[in-house]
């Protein structure tokens, strides 16, 4: 039996919707989460698609996510939007504020949306991809509960603190999307390795005593390491200030665990939207030409150099264990 399940995109969508609704999520939350899940499964890191959906489903069931939130958004300044997700999913608050964000960036050239009081943001590239689909440059940052040390042997002080950047490259080319954690790897990769009984590379994590480990189970009780040592820790601090400092959400040191308990992590998300100058088409064509030149030099361009098709994918591949866990929730 294959360890992967391949579903038609509509079947995968239906399964995800049924699972969200079975866990008590309101239709609005379910729709926003399913759209983001399918986007991650199709275009982002697969671990942030259906495997991460399981975290959300348990979050609904166990009270870490408000199943029927009422997010609200205000303008602190003409081009500065402030959102409160009401302990719901970050994607719903973003969806509701998105039209105002687009209107602001098209009027002022630059606009900011900062949101707090939400569950973890999921695939961060999703938010900048949404902007790129509108021809807009995006930068996003978020945090969660602390799970990473600033240096080996030190205390756990940061989340994986990812940041994402997107630059549109025109209708016939996928956008450039850089989405990476400040840690040496994403936390979901450690979880996946532990579930599958696989080892992890050295430099990803330490055990609870601060020793380097290849054991994913020990890493889960230990801590992640930043990429590039002190430089990665500095990036984590930059993200912490953009995500928690700008939004007013909890610092990673203060955020509840997003995988246990009944409290919402209530963390922050900040998205900066930028128009590509006044002559948008020319700027995008210039960027696309440069990307092609970099590719000719053998440079990997994230978001562009995947198996890209101008048509939406027809199938979604889900790890069998994840498929069975979601199906059990649905009752299939």
Protein backbone atom coordinates (compact mmCIF):
# COMPACT_ATOMS: atom_id res chain seq x y z
CA UNK A 1 0.00 0.00 0.00
CA UNK A 2 1.33 3.44 -0.95
CA UNK A 3 2.16 5.82 1.88
CA UNK A 4 0.55 8.62 -0.16
CA UNK A 5 -3.08 9.27 -1.09
CA UNK A 6 -3.79 11.21 -4.29
CA UNK A 7 -7.11 13.04 -4.43
CA UNK A 8 -8.74 15.17 -7.09
CA UNK A 9 -8.61 18.80 -5.98
CA UNK A 10 -12.39 18.90 -5.49
CA UNK A 11 -12.33 15.75 -3.36
CA UNK A 12 -9.50 17.17 -1.25
CA UNK A 13 -11.46 20.40 -0.82
CA UNK A 14 -14.60 18.51 0.21
CA UNK A 15 -12.66 16.39 2.72
CA UNK A 16 -11.07 19.46 4.30
CA UNK A 17 -14.39 21.32 4.47
CA UNK A 18 -16.16 18.35 6.05
CA UNK A 19 -13.37 17.99 8.61
CA UNK A 20 -13.46 21.67 9.59
CA UNK A 21 -17.24 21.66 9.93
CA UNK A 22 -17.14 18.37 11.89
CA UNK A 23 -14.80 20.07 14.36
CA UNK A 24 -17.28 22.90 14.90
CA UNK A 25 -15.75 25.57 12.67
CA UNK A 26 -18.16 28.13 11.28
CA UNK A 27 -18.55 28.12 7.50
CA UNK A 28 -16.59 31.37 7.11
CA UNK A 29 -13.61 29.98 9.05
CA UNK A 30 -13.79 26.67 7.20
CA UNK A 31 -13.74 28.36 3.81
CA UNK A 32 -10.76 30.57 4.64
CA UNK A 33 -8.79 27.68 6.12
CA UNK A 34 -9.54 25.27 3.29
CA UNK A 35 -8.50 27.83 0.67
CA UNK A 36 -5.20 28.38 2.46
CA UNK A 37 -4.67 24.64 2.95
CA UNK A 38 -5.20 23.88 -0.74
CA UNK A 39 -2.87 26.75 -1.68
CA UNK A 40 -0.12 25.38 0.56
CA UNK A 41 -0.67 21.84 -0.73
CA UNK A 42 -0.50 23.03 -4.34
CA UNK A 43 2.13 25.75 -4.27
CA UNK A 44 3.84 25.86 -0.88
CA UNK A 45 5.67 23.36 1.32
CA UNK A 46 3.42 20.25 1.40
CA UNK A 47 3.92 19.89 5.17
CA UNK A 48 2.06 23.18 5.64
CA UNK A 49 -0.93 21.91 3.67
CA UNK A 50 -2.91 18.91 4.91
CA UNK A 51 -0.42 17.81 7.62
CA UNK A 52 -0.74 21.23 9.27
CA UNK A 53 -4.52 21.16 8.79
CA UNK A 54 -4.55 18.44 11.46
CA UNK A 55 -3.18 20.99 13.97
CA UNK A 56 -6.04 23.33 13.11
CA UNK A 57 -8.64 20.58 13.47
CA UNK A 58 -7.37 19.72 16.95
CA UNK A 59 -7.25 23.43 17.70
CA UNK A 60 -10.96 23.71 16.90
CA UNK A 61 -11.83 20.62 18.93
CA UNK A 62 -9.73 21.50 21.98
CA UNK A 63 -10.57 25.21 22.24
CA UNK A 64 -7.34 26.82 21.04
CA UNK A 65 -9.22 28.29 18.08
CA UNK A 66 -12.48 30.22 18.33
CA UNK A 67 -14.76 28.28 15.94
CA UNK A 68 -16.98 31.26 15.13
CA UNK A 69 -14.90 34.43 15.55
CA UNK A 70 -15.89 37.95 14.59
CA UNK A 71 -12.66 39.59 13.41
CA UNK A 72 -12.63 43.36 13.26
CA UNK A 73 -10.37 45.74 11.40
CA UNK A 74 -9.67 49.45 11.91
CA UNK A 75 -7.40 52.03 10.29
CA UNK A 76 -4.79 53.41 12.63
CA UNK A 77 -3.59 55.59 9.73
CA UNK A 78 -4.84 55.92 6.14
CA UNK A 79 -2.55 53.13 4.92
CA UNK A 80 -2.18 51.23 8.22
CA UNK A 81 -4.80 48.60 9.04
CA UNK A 82 -5.06 46.94 12.45
CA UNK A 83 -6.98 43.67 12.78
CA UNK A 84 -8.11 41.62 15.78
CA UNK A 85 -8.76 38.00 14.77
CA UNK A 86 -10.93 37.32 17.86
CA UNK A 87 -8.99 34.13 18.68
CA UNK A 88 -9.89 32.68 15.29
CA UNK A 89 -7.70 31.63 12.41
CA UNK A 90 -5.33 34.21 10.97
CA UNK A 91 -6.56 33.51 7.44
CA UNK A 92 -10.13 34.68 8.14
CA UNK A 93 -9.03 38.00 9.62
CA UNK A 94 -6.72 38.48 6.63
CA UNK A 95 -9.50 37.64 4.17
CA UNK A 96 -11.86 40.17 5.71
CA UNK A 97 -9.22 42.93 5.73
CA UNK A 98 -7.82 42.08 2.28
CA UNK A 99 -10.09 44.38 0.20
CA UNK A 100 -9.16 47.36 2.41
CA UNK A 101 -5.47 46.44 2.17
CA UNK A 102 -5.69 46.39 -1.63
CA UNK A 103 -7.53 49.70 -1.71
CA UNK A 104 -4.94 51.31 0.57
CA UNK A 105 -1.88 50.09 -1.31
CA UNK A 106 -3.31 51.15 -4.66
CA UNK A 107 -4.04 54.61 -3.27
CA UNK A 108 -0.84 55.19 -1.31
CA UNK A 109 1.72 52.87 -2.94
CA UNK A 110 2.50 51.18 0.39
CA UNK A 111 0.13 49.76 3.00
CA UNK A 112 0.45 47.72 6.19
CA UNK A 113 -1.89 45.20 7.77
CA UNK A 114 -1.00 44.04 11.25
CA UNK A 115 -3.14 41.49 13.06
CA UNK A 116 -3.14 39.96 16.50
CA UNK A 117 -5.14 37.51 18.61
CA UNK A 118 -5.11 34.63 16.13
CA UNK A 119 -4.02 31.02 15.89
CA UNK A 120 -0.76 30.43 14.00
CA UNK A 121 -0.66 31.81 10.46
CA UNK A 122 -0.03 28.53 8.60
CA UNK A 123 1.88 28.82 5.34
CA UNK A 124 3.19 32.38 5.39
CA UNK A 125 3.81 32.39 1.64
CA UNK A 126 0.03 32.23 1.18
CA UNK A 127 -0.40 35.85 2.27
CA UNK A 128 2.21 37.30 -0.08
CA UNK A 129 1.04 34.99 -2.89
CA UNK A 130 -2.41 36.54 -2.56
CA UNK A 131 -0.86 39.98 -3.05
CA UNK A 132 1.27 38.84 -5.97
CA UNK A 133 -1.86 37.57 -7.70
CA UNK A 134 -3.01 41.20 -7.60
CA UNK A 135 0.29 42.47 -9.03
CA UNK A 136 1.53 43.67 -5.63
CA UNK A 137 4.81 43.01 -3.81
CA UNK A 138 4.38 41.53 -0.34
CA UNK A 139 6.40 41.00 2.83
CA UNK A 140 4.98 39.07 5.80
CA UNK A 141 6.18 38.08 9.26
CA UNK A 142 4.64 36.05 12.08
CA UNK A 143 5.52 34.34 15.35
CA UNK A 144 4.17 31.62 17.65
CA UNK A 145 5.11 30.07 20.99
CA UNK A 146 8.83 29.80 21.80
CA UNK A 147 10.50 26.67 20.46
CA UNK A 148 13.90 27.89 19.27
CA UNK A 149 17.09 28.88 21.07
CA UNK A 150 19.18 31.85 20.01
CA UNK A 151 22.29 29.65 20.39
CA UNK A 152 22.97 26.03 21.25
CA UNK A 153 22.71 25.48 24.99
CA UNK A 154 20.73 28.68 25.53
CA UNK A 155 17.11 29.03 26.66
CA UNK A 156 14.18 28.72 24.27
CA UNK A 157 13.22 32.29 23.34
CA UNK A 158 11.80 32.45 19.79
CA UNK A 159 9.33 30.61 17.63
CA UNK A 160 10.49 29.47 14.20
CA UNK A 161 9.65 33.11 13.28
CA UNK A 162 9.20 32.79 9.52
CA UNK A 163 9.14 35.61 7.03
CA UNK A 164 7.85 35.56 3.47
CA UNK A 165 8.47 37.79 0.47
CA UNK A 166 6.63 37.79 -2.83
CA UNK A 167 7.30 39.65 -6.09
CA UNK A 168 4.85 39.32 -9.01
CA UNK A 169 6.35 38.32 -12.35
CA UNK A 170 3.35 38.66 -14.64
CA UNK A 171 0.39 36.55 -15.68
CA UNK A 172 2.34 33.80 -17.44
CA UNK A 173 4.97 33.34 -14.73
CA UNK A 174 4.46 32.27 -11.11
CA UNK A 175 5.53 34.89 -8.58
CA UNK A 176 8.83 34.75 -6.81
CA UNK A 177 7.95 33.51 -3.31
CA UNK A 178 10.54 33.25 -0.53
CA UNK A 179 9.03 31.66 2.57
CA UNK A 180 11.45 30.45 5.19
CA UNK A 181 11.78 30.07 8.91
CA UNK A 182 14.46 31.69 11.03
CA UNK A 183 15.09 28.21 12.42
CA UNK A 184 17.20 25.71 10.50
CA UNK A 185 13.99 23.92 9.56
CA UNK A 186 10.27 24.40 10.03
CA UNK A 187 8.74 22.86 13.16
CA UNK A 188 6.30 20.82 11.07
CA UNK A 189 9.28 19.00 9.52
CA UNK A 190 10.35 17.84 12.98
CA UNK A 191 6.80 16.71 13.75
CA UNK A 192 6.56 14.84 10.45
CA UNK A 193 9.91 13.09 11.03
CA UNK A 194 8.83 12.04 14.54
CA UNK A 195 5.53 10.65 13.26
CA UNK A 196 7.31 8.66 10.54
CA UNK A 197 10.17 7.49 12.79
CA UNK A 198 12.80 9.21 10.66
CA UNK A 199 16.04 10.82 11.80
CA UNK A 200 16.75 14.52 11.30
CA UNK A 201 19.98 16.16 10.08
CA UNK A 202 22.47 17.57 12.55
CA UNK A 203 22.06 21.30 13.01
CA UNK A 204 18.26 21.22 13.04
CA UNK A 205 17.68 20.82 16.76
CA UNK A 206 18.99 19.93 20.20
CA UNK A 207 17.54 17.66 22.87
CA UNK A 208 16.23 18.89 26.23
CA UNK A 209 19.79 18.87 27.61
CA UNK A 210 21.00 21.14 24.81
CA UNK A 211 22.91 18.40 22.97
CA UNK A 212 22.82 18.01 19.20
CA UNK A 213 20.39 15.26 18.15
CA UNK A 214 19.31 13.27 15.13
CA UNK A 215 16.28 11.95 17.03
CA UNK A 216 13.10 13.83 16.05
CA UNK A 217 11.30 12.72 19.23
CA UNK A 218 14.08 14.19 21.36
CA UNK A 219 13.98 17.35 19.26
CA UNK A 220 10.28 17.79 20.11
CA UNK A 221 11.16 17.89 23.81
CA UNK A 222 14.25 19.98 23.13
CA UNK A 223 14.54 23.01 20.87
CA UNK A 224 15.11 24.09 17.30
CA UNK A 225 18.30 25.84 16.25
CA UNK A 226 18.47 29.04 14.18
CA UNK A 227 19.92 28.83 10.68
CA UNK A 228 23.36 30.34 10.38
CA UNK A 229 23.90 30.71 14.12
CA UNK A 230 23.77 34.30 15.36
CA UNK A 231 22.64 35.66 11.98
CA UNK A 232 19.58 33.43 11.99
CA UNK A 233 18.84 34.48 15.57
CA UNK A 234 19.03 38.11 14.46
CA UNK A 235 16.48 37.41 11.71
CA UNK A 236 14.25 35.75 14.32
CA UNK A 237 14.44 38.91 16.43
CA UNK A 238 13.62 41.07 13.40
CA UNK A 239 10.55 38.91 12.73
CA UNK A 240 9.60 39.01 16.41
CA UNK A 241 9.52 42.80 16.30
CA UNK A 242 7.51 42.93 13.07
CA UNK A 243 5.05 40.25 14.17
CA UNK A 244 4.61 40.81 17.92
CA UNK A 245 6.13 44.26 18.33
CA UNK A 246 4.12 45.89 15.54
CA UNK A 247 0.86 44.02 16.13
CA UNK A 248 0.91 44.22 19.92
CA UNK A 249 0.52 40.44 20.12
CA UNK A 250 2.35 38.26 22.62
CA UNK A 251 6.07 37.74 22.35
CA UNK A 252 7.00 34.14 21.61
CA UNK A 253 8.16 33.77 25.21
CA UNK A 254 4.60 34.55 26.36
CA UNK A 255 2.50 32.80 23.70
CA UNK A 256 0.67 29.58 24.70
CA UNK A 257 1.59 26.38 22.88
CA UNK A 258 -0.35 26.10 19.61
CA UNK A 259 -0.49 22.28 19.85
CA UNK A 260 -1.72 21.74 23.42
CA UNK A 261 -3.97 23.24 26.09
CA UNK A 262 -7.07 25.33 25.58
CA UNK A 263 -5.59 28.82 25.22
CA UNK A 264 -5.21 30.58 21.89
CA UNK A 265 -1.59 31.47 21.06
CA UNK A 266 -3.12 34.87 20.13
CA UNK A 267 -0.06 35.69 18.05
CA UNK A 268 0.66 38.41 15.54
CA UNK A 269 0.91 38.66 11.77
CA UNK A 270 2.17 41.68 9.86
CA UNK A 271 1.85 42.07 6.09
CA UNK A 272 3.41 44.92 4.12
CA UNK A 273 2.05 45.55 0.62
CA UNK A 274 4.01 47.57 -1.98
CA UNK A 275 3.07 48.67 -5.47
CA UNK A 276 5.86 48.12 -8.07
CA UNK A 277 6.17 51.89 -8.76
CA UNK A 278 3.90 53.86 -11.04
CA UNK A 279 4.71 51.92 -14.23
CA UNK A 280 3.74 48.52 -12.87
CA UNK A 281 3.93 46.49 -16.10
CA UNK A 282 7.42 47.75 -16.91
CA UNK A 283 8.69 47.03 -13.40
CA UNK A 284 7.28 43.51 -13.45
CA UNK A 285 8.74 42.82 -16.90
CA UNK A 286 12.12 44.09 -15.68
CA UNK A 287 11.95 41.76 -12.66
CA UNK A 288 10.92 38.81 -14.83
CA UNK A 289 13.82 39.42 -17.21
CA UNK A 290 16.26 39.48 -14.29
CA UNK A 291 14.84 36.25 -12.88
CA UNK A 292 15.40 34.58 -16.24
CA UNK A 293 18.97 35.86 -16.29
CA UNK A 294 19.57 34.44 -12.82
CA UNK A 295 18.12 31.10 -13.95
CA UNK A 296 20.55 31.11 -16.87
CA UNK A 297 23.29 31.36 -14.23
CA UNK A 298 21.92 28.27 -12.48
CA UNK A 299 20.31 30.17 -9.59
CA UNK A 300 17.30 28.51 -7.93
CA UNK A 301 14.37 30.94 -7.84
CA UNK A 302 11.91 29.96 -5.09
CA UNK A 303 8.30 29.85 -6.22
CA UNK A 304 9.34 29.88 -9.88
CA UNK A 305 11.53 26.79 -10.20
CA UNK A 306 8.96 24.32 -8.91
CA UNK A 307 7.01 22.09 -11.29
CA UNK A 308 4.84 24.99 -12.34
CA UNK A 309 1.82 24.78 -14.61
CA UNK A 310 -0.17 27.85 -15.70
CA UNK A 311 -3.28 25.84 -14.84
CA UNK A 312 -4.29 25.07 -11.26
CA UNK A 313 -3.25 21.56 -10.16
CA UNK A 314 -5.82 18.83 -10.66
CA UNK A 315 -4.62 16.52 -7.87
CA UNK A 316 -3.43 16.82 -4.27
CA UNK A 317 -1.06 14.33 -2.65
CA UNK A 318 -1.61 13.72 1.08
CA UNK A 319 0.46 11.47 3.36
CA UNK A 320 -1.64 8.39 4.10
CA UNK A 321 -1.37 8.81 7.87
CA UNK A 322 -2.61 12.40 7.59
CA UNK A 323 -5.44 11.35 5.28
CA UNK A 324 -6.54 8.66 7.74
CA UNK A 325 -6.49 11.09 10.70
CA UNK A 326 -8.61 13.63 8.82
CA UNK A 327 -10.97 10.90 7.57
CA UNK A 328 -11.41 9.62 11.13
CA UNK A 329 -12.53 13.10 12.21
CA UNK A 330 -15.01 13.23 9.36
CA UNK A 331 -16.20 9.72 10.20
CA UNK A 332 -15.33 8.15 6.87
